[in-house]
PDB file of N, CA and C in Angstrom:
ATOM      1  N   MET A   1     111.703 134.928 111.004  1.00  0.00           N
ATOM      2  CA  MET A   1     111.618 134.112 110.284  1.00  0.00           C
ATOM      3  C   MET A   1     112.448 134.229 108.936  1.00  0.00           C
ATOM      4  N   ALA A   2     113.073 133.069 108.246  1.00  0.00           N
ATOM      5  CA  ALA A   2     113.874 132.784 107.817  1.00  0.00           C
ATOM      6  C   ALA A   2     114.232 133.750 106.162  1.00  0.00           C
ATOM      7  N   GLU A   3     114.855 134.355 106.290  1.00  0.00           N
ATOM      8  CA  GLU A   3     114.845 134.922 104.944  1.00  0.00           C
ATOM      9  C   GLU A   3     116.342 135.398 104.405  1.00  0.00           C
ATOM     10  N   GLY A   4     116.884 135.257 102.995  1.00  0.00           N
ATOM     11  CA  GLY A   4     118.302 135.570 102.677  1.00  0.00           C
ATOM     12  C   GLY A   4     118.377 135.031 101.681  1.00  0.00           C
ATOM     13  N   SER A   5     119.189 135.213 100.713  1.00  0.00           N
ATOM     14  CA  SER A   5     119.361 134.888  99.415  1.00  0.00           C
ATOM     15  C   SER A   5     120.602 134.148  99.449  1.00  0.00           C
ATOM     16  N   ALA A   6     121.117 133.934  98.478  1.00  0.00           N
ATOM     17  CA  ALA A   6     122.195 133.345  97.830  1.00  0.00           C
ATOM     18  C   ALA A   6     122.512 133.097  96.019  1.00  0.00           C
ATOM     19  N   THR A   7     123.660 133.265  95.578  1.00  0.00           N
ATOM     20  CA  THR A   7     123.798 133.536  93.855  1.00  0.00           C
ATOM     21  C   THR A   7     124.939 132.787  93.914  1.00  0.00           C
ATOM     22  N   GLU A   8     125.092 131.692  92.646  1.00  0.00           N
ATOM     23  CA  GLU A   8     126.180 130.617  92.758  1.00  0.00           C
ATOM     24  C   GLU A   8     126.045 131.101  90.908  1.00  0.00           C
ATOM     25  N   VAL A   9     127.263 131.016  90.017  1.00  0.00           N
ATOM     26  CA  VAL A   9     127.599 130.818  88.759  1.00  0.00           C
ATOM     27  C   VAL A   9     127.637 129.676  88.599  1.00  0.00           C
ATOM     28  N   ALA A  10     126.544 128.893  87.684  1.00  0.00           N
ATOM     29  CA  ALA A  10     126.611 127.597  86.603  1.00  0.00           C
ATOM     30  C   ALA A  10     127.055 128.112  85.503  1.00  0.00           C
ATOM     31  N   SER A  11     126.893 127.351  84.675  1.00  0.00           N
ATOM     32  CA  SER A  11     127.375 127.558  83.441  1.00  0.00           C
ATOM     33  C   SER A  11     126.605 128.135  82.059  1.00  0.00           C
ATOM     34  N   ILE A  12     125.511 128.235  82.953  1.00  0.00           N
ATOM     35  CA  ILE A  12     124.105 128.792  82.424  1.00  0.00           C
ATOM     36  C   ILE A  12     123.977 130.127  82.229  1.00  0.00           C
ATOM     37  N   GLY A  13     124.933 130.710  83.781  1.00  0.00           N
ATOM     38  CA  GLY A  13     124.645 131.860  84.018  1.00  0.00           C
ATOM     39  C   GLY A  13     124.606 132.009  85.672  1.00  0.00           C
ATOM     40  N   PRO A  14     124.451 132.771  86.576  1.00  0.00           N
ATOM     41  CA  PRO A  14     124.405 133.287  87.808  1.00  0.00           C
ATOM     42  C   PRO A  14     122.817 132.173  87.699  1.00  0.00           C
ATOM     43  N   ILE A  15     122.694 131.405  89.291  1.00  0.00           N
ATOM     44  CA  ILE A  15     121.666 131.222  89.623  1.00  0.00           C
ATOM     45  C   ILE A  15     121.431 132.049  91.227  1.00  0.00           C
ATOM     46  N   THR A  16     120.129 132.577  91.386  1.00  0.00           N
ATOM     47  CA  THR A  16     120.000 133.137  92.268  1.00  0.00           C
ATOM     48  C   THR A  16     119.064 132.042  93.575  1.00  0.00           C
ATOM     49  N   ILE A  17     119.250 132.209  94.554  1.00  0.00           N
ATOM     50  CA  ILE A  17     118.206 131.319  95.332  1.00  0.00           C
ATOM     51  C   ILE A  17     117.780 132.465  97.062  1.00  0.00           C
ATOM     52  N   THR A  18     116.452 132.726  96.792  1.00  0.00           N
ATOM     53  CA  THR A  18     115.854 133.297  98.019  1.00  0.00           C
ATOM     54  C   THR A  18     115.420 132.609  98.786  1.00  0.00           C
ATOM     55  N   TYR A  19     116.005 132.405 100.253  1.00  0.00           N
ATOM     56  CA  TYR A  19     115.196 131.280 100.799  1.00  0.00           C
ATOM     57  C   TYR A  19     114.709 131.815 101.794  1.00  0.00           C
ATOM     58  N   ALA A  20     113.273 130.880 101.715  1.00  0.00           N
ATOM     59  CA  ALA A  20     111.821 131.490 102.931  1.00  0.00           C
ATOM     60  C   ALA A  20     111.598 130.390 103.927  1.00  0.00           C
ATOM     61  N   PHE A  21     110.689 130.998 104.700  1.00  0.00           N
ATOM     62  CA  PHE A  21     110.450 130.098 106.034  1.00  0.00           C
ATOM     63  C   PHE A  21     109.834 128.540 105.625  1.00  0.00           C
ATOM     64  N   ARG A  22     110.083 127.002 106.356  1.00  0.00           N
ATOM     65  CA  ARG A  22     109.650 126.080 106.481  1.00  0.00           C
ATOM     66  C   ARG A  22     110.369 125.483 104.805  1.00  0.00           C
ATOM     67  N   SER A  23     111.249 125.907 104.414  1.00  0.00           N
ATOM     68  CA  SER A  23     111.871 125.179 103.360  1.00  0.00           C
ATOM     69  C   SER A  23     111.292 125.781 101.848  1.00  0.00           C
ATOM     70  N   TRP A  24     110.616 127.023 102.078  1.00  0.00           N
ATOM     71  CA  TRP A  24     110.082 127.219 100.662  1.00  0.00           C
ATOM     72  C   TRP A  24     111.189 127.789 100.181  1.00  0.00           C
ATOM     73  N   VAL A  25     111.480 127.739  98.614  1.00  0.00           N
ATOM     74  CA  VAL A  25     112.319 128.971  98.168  1.00  0.00           C
ATOM     75  C   VAL A  25     112.187 129.592  96.795  1.00  0.00           C
ATOM     76  N   LEU A  26     112.787 130.357  96.523  1.00  0.00           N
ATOM     77  CA  LEU A  26     112.308 130.980  94.571  1.00  0.00           C
ATOM     78  C   LEU A  26     113.974 130.793  94.032  1.00  0.00           C
ATOM     79  N   VAL A  27     113.745 129.912  92.906  1.00  0.00           N
ATOM     80  CA  VAL A  27     115.281 130.139  92.410  1.00  0.00           C
ATOM     81  C   VAL A  27     114.949 130.525  91.590  1.00  0.00           C
ATOM     82  N   GLU A  28     115.767 131.367  90.991  1.00  0.00           N
ATOM     83  CA  GLU A  28     116.134 132.308  89.676  1.00  0.00           C
ATOM     84  C   GLU A  28     117.080 132.007  88.940  1.00  0.00           C
ATOM     85  N   ALA A  29     116.894 131.701  87.163  1.00  0.00           N
ATOM     86  CA  ALA A  29     117.973 131.621  86.469  1.00  0.00           C
ATOM     87  C   ALA A  29     118.004 132.386  85.505  1.00  0.00           C
ATOM     88  N   PRO A  30     119.184 132.553  84.880  1.00  0.00           N
ATOM     89  CA  PRO A  30     119.161 133.713  83.876  1.00  0.00           C
ATOM     90  C   PRO A  30     118.433 133.360  82.850  1.00  0.00           C
ATOM     91  N   GLY A  31     117.248 134.147  82.047  1.00  0.00           N
ATOM     92  CA  GLY A  31     116.433 134.328  80.929  1.00  0.00           C
ATOM     93  C   GLY A  31     115.077 134.061  81.725  1.00  0.00           C
ATOM     94  N   GLY A  32     114.826 134.751  83.054  1.00  0.00           N
ATOM     95  CA  GLY A  32     113.535 134.689  83.447  1.00  0.00           C
ATOM     96  C   GLY A  32     113.068 133.406  83.906  1.00  0.00           C
ATOM     97  N   GLY A  33     113.811 132.196  84.156  1.00  0.00           N
ATOM     98  CA  GLY A  33     113.467 131.370  84.892  1.00  0.00           C
ATOM     99  C   GLY A  33     113.287 130.925  85.730  1.00  0.00           C
ATOM    100  N   HIS A  34     112.241 130.742  86.756  1.00  0.00           N
ATOM    101  CA  HIS A  34     112.211 130.937  88.390  1.00  0.00           C
ATOM    102  C   HIS A  34     111.248 129.549  88.498  1.00  0.00           C
ATOM    103  N   LEU A  35     111.251 128.758  89.791  1.00  0.00           N
ATOM    104  CA  LEU A  35     111.061 127.878  90.255  1.00  0.00           C
ATOM    105  C   LEU A  35     110.033 128.589  91.752  1.00  0.00           C
ATOM    106  N   ARG A  36     109.307 128.075  92.603  1.00  0.00           N
ATOM    107  CA  ARG A  36     109.251 128.134  94.049  1.00  0.00           C
ATOM    108  C   ARG A  36     108.818 126.726  93.713  1.00  0.00           C
ATOM    109  N   ARG A  37     109.488 126.524  95.398  1.00  0.00           N
ATOM    110  CA  ARG A  37     109.336 125.006  95.654  1.00  0.00           C
ATOM    111  C   ARG A  37     109.803 124.620  97.095  1.00  0.00           C
ATOM    112  N   ARG A  38     109.198 124.120  97.881  1.00  0.00           N
ATOM    113  CA  ARG A  38     109.652 123.229  99.100  1.00  0.00           C
ATOM    114  C   ARG A  38     110.561 122.279  98.511  1.00  0.00           C
ATOM    115  N   VAL A  39     111.958 122.411  99.724  1.00  0.00           N
ATOM    116  CA  VAL A  39     113.137 122.348  98.935  1.00  0.00           C
ATOM    117  C   VAL A  39     113.826 121.764 100.693  1.00  0.00           C
ATOM    118  N   ARG A  40     113.889 120.177 100.953  1.00  0.00           N
ATOM    119  CA  ARG A  40     114.491 120.240 102.141  1.00  0.00           C
ATOM    120  C   ARG A  40     115.597 119.120 102.008  1.00  0.00           C
ATOM    121  N   SER A  41     116.719 119.396 100.816  1.00  0.00           N
ATOM    122  CA  SER A  41     117.899 119.030 100.785  1.00  0.00           C
ATOM    123  C   SER A  41     118.368 119.690  99.503  1.00  0.00           C
ATOM    124  N   ASP A  42     119.944 119.143  99.718  1.00  0.00           N
ATOM    125  CA  ASP A  42     120.820 119.799  98.494  1.00  0.00           C
ATOM    126  C   ASP A  42     120.006 118.676  97.241  1.00  0.00           C
ATOM    127  N   GLU A  43     119.734 117.673  96.874  1.00  0.00           N
ATOM    128  CA  GLU A  43     119.357 116.744  96.353  1.00  0.00           C
ATOM    129  C   GLU A  43     118.390 117.509  95.781  1.00  0.00           C
ATOM    130  N   GLN A  44     117.093 117.602  96.346  1.00  0.00           N
ATOM    131  CA  GLN A  44     116.273 118.357  95.574  1.00  0.00           C
ATOM    132  C   GLN A  44     116.181 119.381  95.461  1.00  0.00           C
ATOM    133  N   LEU A  45     117.212 120.108  95.491  1.00  0.00           N
ATOM    134  CA  LEU A  45     118.179 121.387  94.991  1.00  0.00           C
ATOM    135  C   LEU A  45     118.143 121.457  93.664  1.00  0.00           C
ATOM    136  N   ALA A  46     119.423 120.358  93.718  1.00  0.00           N
ATOM    137  CA  ALA A  46     119.706 120.199  92.585  1.00  0.00           C
ATOM    138  C   ALA A  46     118.792 119.512  91.480  1.00  0.00           C
ATOM    139  N   GLU A  47     117.531 119.377  91.370  1.00  0.00           N
ATOM    140  CA  GLU A  47     116.430 118.904  91.058  1.00  0.00           C
ATOM    141  C   GLU A  47     116.012 119.976  89.960  1.00  0.00           C
ATOM    142  N   VAL A  48     115.696 120.662  91.231  1.00  0.00           N
ATOM    143  CA  VAL A  48     114.935 121.930  90.828  1.00  0.00           C
ATOM    144  C   VAL A  48     116.333 122.655  89.604  1.00  0.00           C
ATOM    145  N   LEU A  49     117.342 122.803  90.067  1.00  0.00           N
ATOM    146  CA  LEU A  49     118.392 123.079  88.885  1.00  0.00           C
ATOM    147  C   LEU A  49     118.522 122.889  88.057  1.00  0.00           C
ATOM    148  N   ARG A  50     118.087 121.413  87.611  1.00  0.00           N
ATOM    149  CA  ARG A  50     118.220 120.867  86.635  1.00  0.00           C
ATOM    150  C   ARG A  50     116.726 121.482  85.517  1.00  0.00           C
ATOM    151  N   GLU A  51     115.601 121.226  86.252  1.00  0.00           N
ATOM    152  CA  GLU A  51     114.371 121.862  85.552  1.00  0.00           C
ATOM    153  C   GLU A  51     114.847 123.041  85.076  1.00  0.00           C
ATOM    154  N   LEU A  52     115.550 123.717  85.800  1.00  0.00           N
ATOM    155  CA  LEU A  52     115.987 125.305  85.121  1.00  0.00           C
ATOM    156  C   LEU A  52     116.845 125.497  84.125  1.00  0.00           C
ATOM    157  N   GLY A  53     117.501 123.776  83.864  1.00  0.00           N
ATOM    158  CA  GLY A  53     118.112 123.813  82.797  1.00  0.00           C
ATOM    159  C   GLY A  53     120.094 124.254  82.874  1.00  0.00           C
ATOM    160  N   VAL A  54     120.815 123.767  83.943  1.00  0.00           N
ATOM    161  CA  VAL A  54     121.911 123.859  84.885  1.00  0.00           C
ATOM    162  C   VAL A  54     122.109 121.911  84.633  1.00  0.00           C
ATOM    163  N   PRO A  55     123.202 121.998  83.952  1.00  0.00           N
ATOM    164  CA  PRO A  55     123.374 120.507  83.358  1.00  0.00           C
ATOM    165  C   PRO A  55     123.294 119.899  84.636  1.00  0.00           C
ATOM    166  N   ALA A  56     123.107 118.500  84.236  1.00  0.00           N
ATOM    167  CA  ALA A  56     123.044 117.384  85.397  1.00  0.00           C
ATOM    168  C   ALA A  56     124.874 117.448  86.047  1.00  0.00           C
ATOM    169  N   ASN A  57     125.474 117.595  85.442  1.00  0.00           N
ATOM    170  CA  ASN A  57     127.060 117.408  85.925  1.00  0.00           C
ATOM    171  C   ASN A  57     127.337 117.747  86.819  1.00  0.00           C
ATOM    172  N   GLU A  58     126.881 119.422  86.594  1.00  0.00           N
ATOM    173  CA  GLU A  58     126.898 120.697  87.722  1.00  0.00           C
ATOM    174  C   GLU A  58     125.894 120.556  88.931  1.00  0.00           C
ATOM    175  N   ALA A  59     124.600 120.024  88.645  1.00  0.00           N
ATOM    176  CA  ALA A  59     123.894 120.746  89.117  1.00  0.00           C
ATOM    177  C   ALA A  59     124.176 120.346  90.666  1.00  0.00           C
ATOM    178  N   GLY A  60     124.537 118.940  91.377  1.00  0.00           N
ATOM    179  CA  GLY A  60     124.356 119.087  92.541  1.00  0.00           C
ATOM    180  C   GLY A  60     125.826 119.597  93.154  1.00  0.00           C
ATOM    181  N   SER A  61     127.048 120.147  92.063  1.00  0.00           N
ATOM    182  CA  SER A  61     127.701 120.782  93.372  1.00  0.00           C
ATOM    183  C   SER A  61     127.440 122.142  93.289  1.00  0.00           C
ATOM    184  N   VAL A  62     126.229 122.909  92.142  1.00  0.00           N
ATOM    185  CA  VAL A  62     126.231 124.066  92.668  1.00  0.00           C
ATOM    186  C   VAL A  62     125.046 124.137  93.805  1.00  0.00           C
ATOM    187  N   ALA A  63     124.119 122.959  93.830  1.00  0.00           N
ATOM    188  CA  ALA A  63     122.671 122.895  94.970  1.00  0.00           C
ATOM    189  C   ALA A  63     123.536 122.784  96.219  1.00  0.00           C
ATOM    190  N   ALA A  64     124.752 122.117  96.211  1.00  0.00           N
ATOM    191  CA  ALA A  64     125.429 121.828  97.491  1.00  0.00           C
ATOM    192  C   ALA A  64     125.877 123.309  98.331  1.00  0.00           C
ATOM    193  N   ARG A  65     126.599 123.878  97.056  1.00  0.00           N
ATOM    194  CA  ARG A  65     127.117 125.266  97.333  1.00  0.00           C
ATOM    195  C   ARG A  65     125.783 126.266  97.916  1.00  0.00           C
ATOM    196  N   LEU A  66     124.555 126.038  96.662  1.00  0.00           N
ATOM    197  CA  LEU A  66     123.735 127.151  97.611  1.00  0.00           C
ATOM    198  C   LEU A  66     122.878 126.475  98.697  1.00  0.00           C
ATOM    199  N   TRP A  67     123.449 125.581  99.012  1.00  0.00           N
ATOM    200  CA  TRP A  67     122.193 124.843 100.417  1.00  0.00           C
ATOM    201  C   TRP A  67     122.946 124.995 101.658  1.00  0.00           C
ATOM    202  N   ALA A  68     124.645 124.979 101.580  1.00  0.00           N
ATOM    203  CA  ALA A  68     125.578 125.469 102.342  1.00  0.00           C
ATOM    204  C   ALA A  68     125.143 127.028 103.283  1.00  0.00           C
ATOM    205  N   ALA A  69     124.464 127.675 102.171  1.00  0.00           N
ATOM    206  CA  ALA A  69     124.480 129.360 102.058  1.00  0.00           C
ATOM    207  C   ALA A  69     122.921 129.667 102.854  1.00  0.00           C
ATOM    208  N   ARG A  70     122.378 128.255 103.211  1.00  0.00           N
ATOM    209  CA  ARG A  70     120.799 128.611 103.512  1.00  0.00           C
ATOM    210  C   ARG A  70     120.863 129.683 104.775  1.00  0.00           C
ATOM    211  N   PRO A  71     119.992 130.317 105.399  1.00  0.00           N
ATOM    212  CA  PRO A  71     119.600 130.043 107.329  1.00  0.00           C
ATOM    213  C   PRO A  71     119.229 128.886 107.728  1.00  0.00           C
ATOM    214  N   GLY A  72     119.513 129.295 109.041  1.00  0.00           N
ATOM    215  CA  GLY A  72     119.769 128.179 109.815  1.00  0.00           C
ATOM    216  C   GLY A  72     118.236 127.657 110.174  1.00  0.00           C
ATOM    217  N   ASP A  73     117.405 129.214 110.039  1.00  0.00           N
ATOM    218  CA  ASP A  73     116.216 128.569 110.696  1.00  0.00           C
ATOM    219  C   ASP A  73     114.916 128.214 109.417  1.00  0.00           C
ATOM    220  N   ALA A  74     115.558 128.163 107.946  1.00  0.00           N
ATOM    221  CA  ALA A  74     115.128 127.849 107.181  1.00  0.00           C
ATOM    222  C   ALA A  74     114.328 126.650 106.735  1.00  0.00           C
ATOM    223  N   GLY A  75     115.008 125.720 107.479  1.00  0.00           N
ATOM    224  CA  GLY A  75     114.481 124.290 107.244  1.00  0.00           C
ATOM    225  C   GLY A  75     113.154 124.448 108.394  1.00  0.00           C
ATOM    226  N   LEU A  76     112.135 122.876 107.852  1.00  0.00           N
ATOM    227  CA  LEU A  76     111.222 122.255 108.107  1.00  0.00           C
ATOM    228  C   LEU A  76     111.628 121.201 109.139  1.00  0.00           C
ATOM    229  N   SER A  77     111.650 121.828 110.430  1.00  0.00           N
ATOM    230  CA  SER A  77     111.756 120.666 111.032  1.00  0.00           C
ATOM    231  C   SER A  77     110.721 119.359 111.139  1.00  0.00           C
ATOM    232  N   LYS A  78     111.189 118.102 111.759  1.00  0.00           N
ATOM    233  CA  LYS A  78     110.047 117.140 111.544  1.00  0.00           C
ATOM    234  C   LYS A  78     109.440 117.732 113.048  1.00  0.00           C
ATOM    235  N   VAL A  79     107.912 117.415 112.907  1.00  0.00           N
ATOM    236  CA  VAL A  79     107.686 117.806 113.970  1.00  0.00           C
ATOM    237  C   VAL A  79     106.645 116.338 114.569  1.00  0.00           C
ATOM    238  N   SER A  80     106.199 116.361 115.595  1.00  0.00           N
ATOM    239  CA  SER A  80     104.804 115.789 115.658  1.00  0.00           C
ATOM    240  C   SER A  80     103.470 116.393 115.651  1.00  0.00           C
ATOM    241  N   SER A  81     102.633 115.827 115.557  1.00  0.00           N
ATOM    242  CA  SER A  81     101.459 116.707 115.891  1.00  0.00           C
ATOM    243  C   SER A  81     101.176 117.456 116.742  1.00  0.00           C
ATOM    244  N   TRP A  82     101.613 116.954 117.971  1.00  0.00           N
ATOM    245  CA  TRP A  82     101.247 117.547 119.269  1.00  0.00           C
ATOM    246  C   TRP A  82     102.251 118.950 118.975  1.00  0.00           C
ATOM    247  N   GLU A  83     103.505 118.887 118.684  1.00  0.00           N
ATOM    248  CA  GLU A  83     104.716 119.456 118.614  1.00  0.00           C
ATOM    249  C   GLU A  83     103.578 120.731 117.846  1.00  0.00           C
ATOM    250  N   SER A  84     103.538 120.613 116.686  1.00  0.00           N
ATOM    251  CA  SER A  84     102.995 121.525 115.696  1.00  0.00           C
ATOM    252  C   SER A  84     101.789 122.283 116.239  1.00  0.00           C
ATOM    253  N   PHE A  85     100.993 121.493 117.054  1.00  0.00           N
ATOM    254  CA  PHE A  85      99.648 122.131 118.148  1.00  0.00           C
ATOM    255  C   PHE A  85     100.532 123.279 118.741  1.00  0.00           C
ATOM    256  N   ALA A  86     100.965 122.978 119.854  1.00  0.00           N
ATOM    257  CA  ALA A  86     101.965 123.206 120.894  1.00  0.00           C
ATOM    258  C   ALA A  86     102.679 124.630 120.118  1.00  0.00           C
ATOM    259  N   THR A  87     102.980 124.362 119.292  1.00  0.00           N
ATOM    260  CA  THR A  87     104.108 125.782 118.696  1.00  0.00           C
ATOM    261  C   THR A  87     103.285 126.788 118.340  1.00  0.00           C
ATOM    262  N   SER A  88     102.035 126.218 117.349  1.00  0.00           N
ATOM    263  CA  SER A  88     101.182 127.192 116.546  1.00  0.00           C
ATOM    264  C   SER A  88     100.322 127.946 117.740  1.00  0.00           C
ATOM    265  N   THR A  89     100.019 127.325 119.272  1.00  0.00           N
ATOM    266  CA  THR A  89      99.710 128.302 119.453  1.00  0.00           C
ATOM    267  C   THR A  89     100.066 129.054 121.000  1.00  0.00           C
ATOM    268  N   GLY A  90     101.601 128.726 121.046  1.00  0.00           N
ATOM    269  CA  GLY A  90     102.308 129.491 121.710  1.00  0.00           C
ATOM    270  C   GLY A  90     102.337 128.626 123.358  1.00  0.00           C
ATOM    271  N   HIS A  91     101.679 127.720 123.426  1.00  0.00           N
ATOM    272  CA  HIS A  91     101.784 126.799 124.690  1.00  0.00           C
ATOM    273  C   HIS A  91     102.929 126.241 124.770  1.00  0.00           C
ATOM    274  N   SER A  92     103.544 125.637 125.683  1.00  0.00           N
ATOM    275  CA  SER A  92     104.043 124.687 125.901  1.00  0.00           C
ATOM    276  C   SER A  92     103.832 123.270 125.829  1.00  0.00           C
ATOM    277  N   ARG A  93     104.418 122.224 125.937  1.00  0.00           N
ATOM    278  CA  ARG A  93     103.800 120.889 126.063  1.00  0.00           C
ATOM    279  C   ARG A  93     103.026 120.373 127.390  1.00  0.00           C
ATOM    280  N   LEU A  94     104.241 120.717 128.183  1.00  0.00           N
ATOM    281  CA  LEU A  94     103.180 120.903 129.588  1.00  0.00           C
ATOM    282  C   LEU A  94     102.090 121.426 129.960  1.00  0.00           C
ATOM    283  N   GLN A  95     102.189 122.720 129.153  1.00  0.00           N
ATOM    284  CA  GLN A  95     100.469 123.748 129.666  1.00  0.00           C
ATOM    285  C   GLN A  95      99.522 122.781 128.933  1.00  0.00           C
ATOM    286  N   LEU A  96      99.805 122.431 127.520  1.00  0.00           N
ATOM    287  CA  LEU A  96      98.848 121.562 126.634  1.00  0.00           C
ATOM    288  C   LEU A  96      98.283 120.084 127.469  1.00  0.00           C
ATOM    289  N   PHE A  97      99.379 119.945 127.960  1.00  0.00           N
ATOM    290  CA  PHE A  97      99.281 118.108 128.749  1.00  0.00           C
ATOM    291  C   PHE A  97      98.064 118.557 130.022  1.00  0.00           C
ATOM    292  N   LEU A  98      98.274 119.546 130.773  1.00  0.00           N
ATOM    293  CA  LEU A  98      98.282 119.991 131.784  1.00  0.00           C
ATOM    294  C   LEU A  98      96.642 120.547 131.409  1.00  0.00           C
ATOM    295  N   ALA A  99      96.537 121.199 130.529  1.00  0.00           N
ATOM    296  CA  ALA A  99      95.090 121.220 129.960  1.00  0.00           C
ATOM    297  C   ALA A  99      94.060 119.987 129.600  1.00  0.00           C
ATOM    298  N   ALA A 100      94.732 119.380 129.256  1.00  0.00           N
ATOM    299  CA  ALA A 100      93.589 118.255 128.871  1.00  0.00           C
ATOM    300  C   ALA A 100      93.776 117.604 129.783  1.00  0.00           C
ATOM    301  N   VAL A 101      94.723 116.960 130.648  1.00  0.00           N
ATOM    302  CA  VAL A 101      94.422 116.107 132.346  1.00  0.00           C
ATOM    303  C   VAL A 101      92.953 116.822 132.873  1.00  0.00           C
ATOM    304  N   ALA A 102      92.956 118.520 132.811  1.00  0.00           N
ATOM    305  CA  ALA A 102      92.235 119.099 133.813  1.00  0.00           C
ATOM    306  C   ALA A 102      90.633 118.662 132.740  1.00  0.00           C
ATOM    307  N   ILE A 103      90.686 118.868 131.373  1.00  0.00           N
ATOM    308  CA  ILE A 103      89.494 118.654 130.974  1.00  0.00           C
ATOM    309  C   ILE A 103      89.412 116.627 131.097  1.00  0.00           C
ATOM    310  N   VAL A 104      90.034 116.086 131.357  1.00  0.00           N
ATOM    311  CA  VAL A 104      89.435 114.843 131.984  1.00  0.00           C
ATOM    312  C   VAL A 104      88.803 114.909 133.076  1.00  0.00           C
ATOM    313  N   VAL A 105      89.574 115.202 134.172  1.00  0.00           N
ATOM    314  CA  VAL A 105      89.252 115.325 135.359  1.00  0.00           C
ATOM    315  C   VAL A 105      87.632 115.651 135.242  1.00  0.00           C
ATOM    316  N   VAL A 106      87.479 117.168 135.261  1.00  0.00           N
ATOM    317  CA  VAL A 106      86.045 117.480 134.710  1.00  0.00           C
ATOM    318  C   VAL A 106      85.531 116.915 134.019  1.00  0.00           C
ATOM    319  N   ALA A 107      85.543 116.526 133.256  1.00  0.00           N
ATOM    320  CA  ALA A 107      84.902 115.572 132.353  1.00  0.00           C
ATOM    321  C   ALA A 107      84.293 114.329 133.299  1.00  0.00           C
ATOM    322  N   GLY A 108      84.945 113.329 134.278  1.00  0.00           N
ATOM    323  CA  GLY A 108      85.066 112.142 134.836  1.00  0.00           C
ATOM    324  C   GLY A 108      83.724 112.780 135.851  1.00  0.00           C
ATOM    325  N   LEU A 109      84.046 113.903 137.075  1.00  0.00           N
ATOM    326  CA  LEU A 109      83.692 114.021 137.816  1.00  0.00           C
ATOM    327  C   LEU A 109      82.223 114.837 137.638  1.00  0.00           C
ATOM    328  N   ILE A 110      81.984 115.156 136.209  1.00  0.00           N
ATOM    329  CA  ILE A 110      80.643 115.899 136.019  1.00  0.00           C
ATOM    330  C   ILE A 110      79.703 114.496 135.524  1.00  0.00           C
ATOM    331  N   ILE A 111      80.533 113.353 135.103  1.00  0.00           N
ATOM    332  CA  ILE A 111      79.995 111.829 134.938  1.00  0.00           C
ATOM    333  C   ILE A 111      79.696 111.503 135.856  1.00  0.00           C
ATOM    334  N   TRP A 112      80.283 111.684 137.226  1.00  0.00           N
ATOM    335  CA  TRP A 112      79.999 110.992 138.449  1.00  0.00           C
ATOM    336  C   TRP A 112      78.895 111.416 138.848  1.00  0.00           C
ATOM    337  N   LEU A 113      79.022 112.966 138.977  1.00  0.00           N
ATOM    338  CA  LEU A 113      77.966 113.883 139.707  1.00  0.00           C
ATOM    339  C   LEU A 113      76.348 113.268 139.203  1.00  0.00           C
ATOM    340  N   VAL A 114      76.405 113.448 137.876  1.00  0.00           N
ATOM    341  CA  VAL A 114      75.457 113.220 137.234  1.00  0.00           C
ATOM    342  C   VAL A 114      74.707 111.371 137.120  1.00  0.00           C
ATOM    343  N   THR A 115      75.706 110.720 137.673  1.00  0.00           N
ATOM    344  CA  THR A 115      75.405 109.433 137.193  1.00  0.00           C
ATOM    345  C   THR A 115      74.673 108.691 138.862  1.00  0.00           C
ATOM    346  N   PRO A 116      72.887 108.494 138.014  1.00  0.00           N
ATOM    347  CA  PRO A 116      71.912 108.120 139.347  1.00  0.00           C
ATOM    348  C   PRO A 116      73.165 106.572 139.845  1.00  0.00           C
ATOM    349  N   GLU A 117      73.212 106.472 141.495  1.00  0.00           N
ATOM    350  CA  GLU A 117      73.643 105.367 142.293  1.00  0.00           C
ATOM    351  C   GLU A 117      72.795 104.041 142.265  1.00  0.00           C
TER     352      GLU A 117
END
């Protein structure tokens, strides 16, 4: 699970970001301002920084530096629903495919056995 934090100094003071799993971040600014968001790019992070009071002309550069510091496994990868199901169950896609084929074969045999000729 991704964990880590980084701090960059902006004109309003130090901005601290704590990275969490699946693109969640906690961004804290001076004066107690903080936001929890799912952030998938440095552009989205710049939007969060602007909401916290970082001037628009520096939000992009501060966000780029903070984004570069994030752990590699903090991001949300794009996966299909099949892959998401596979990873959440701990099984490989091949195992799930073979299980689905077995279910279809067994259902076909049952239907064949109970259908009158």
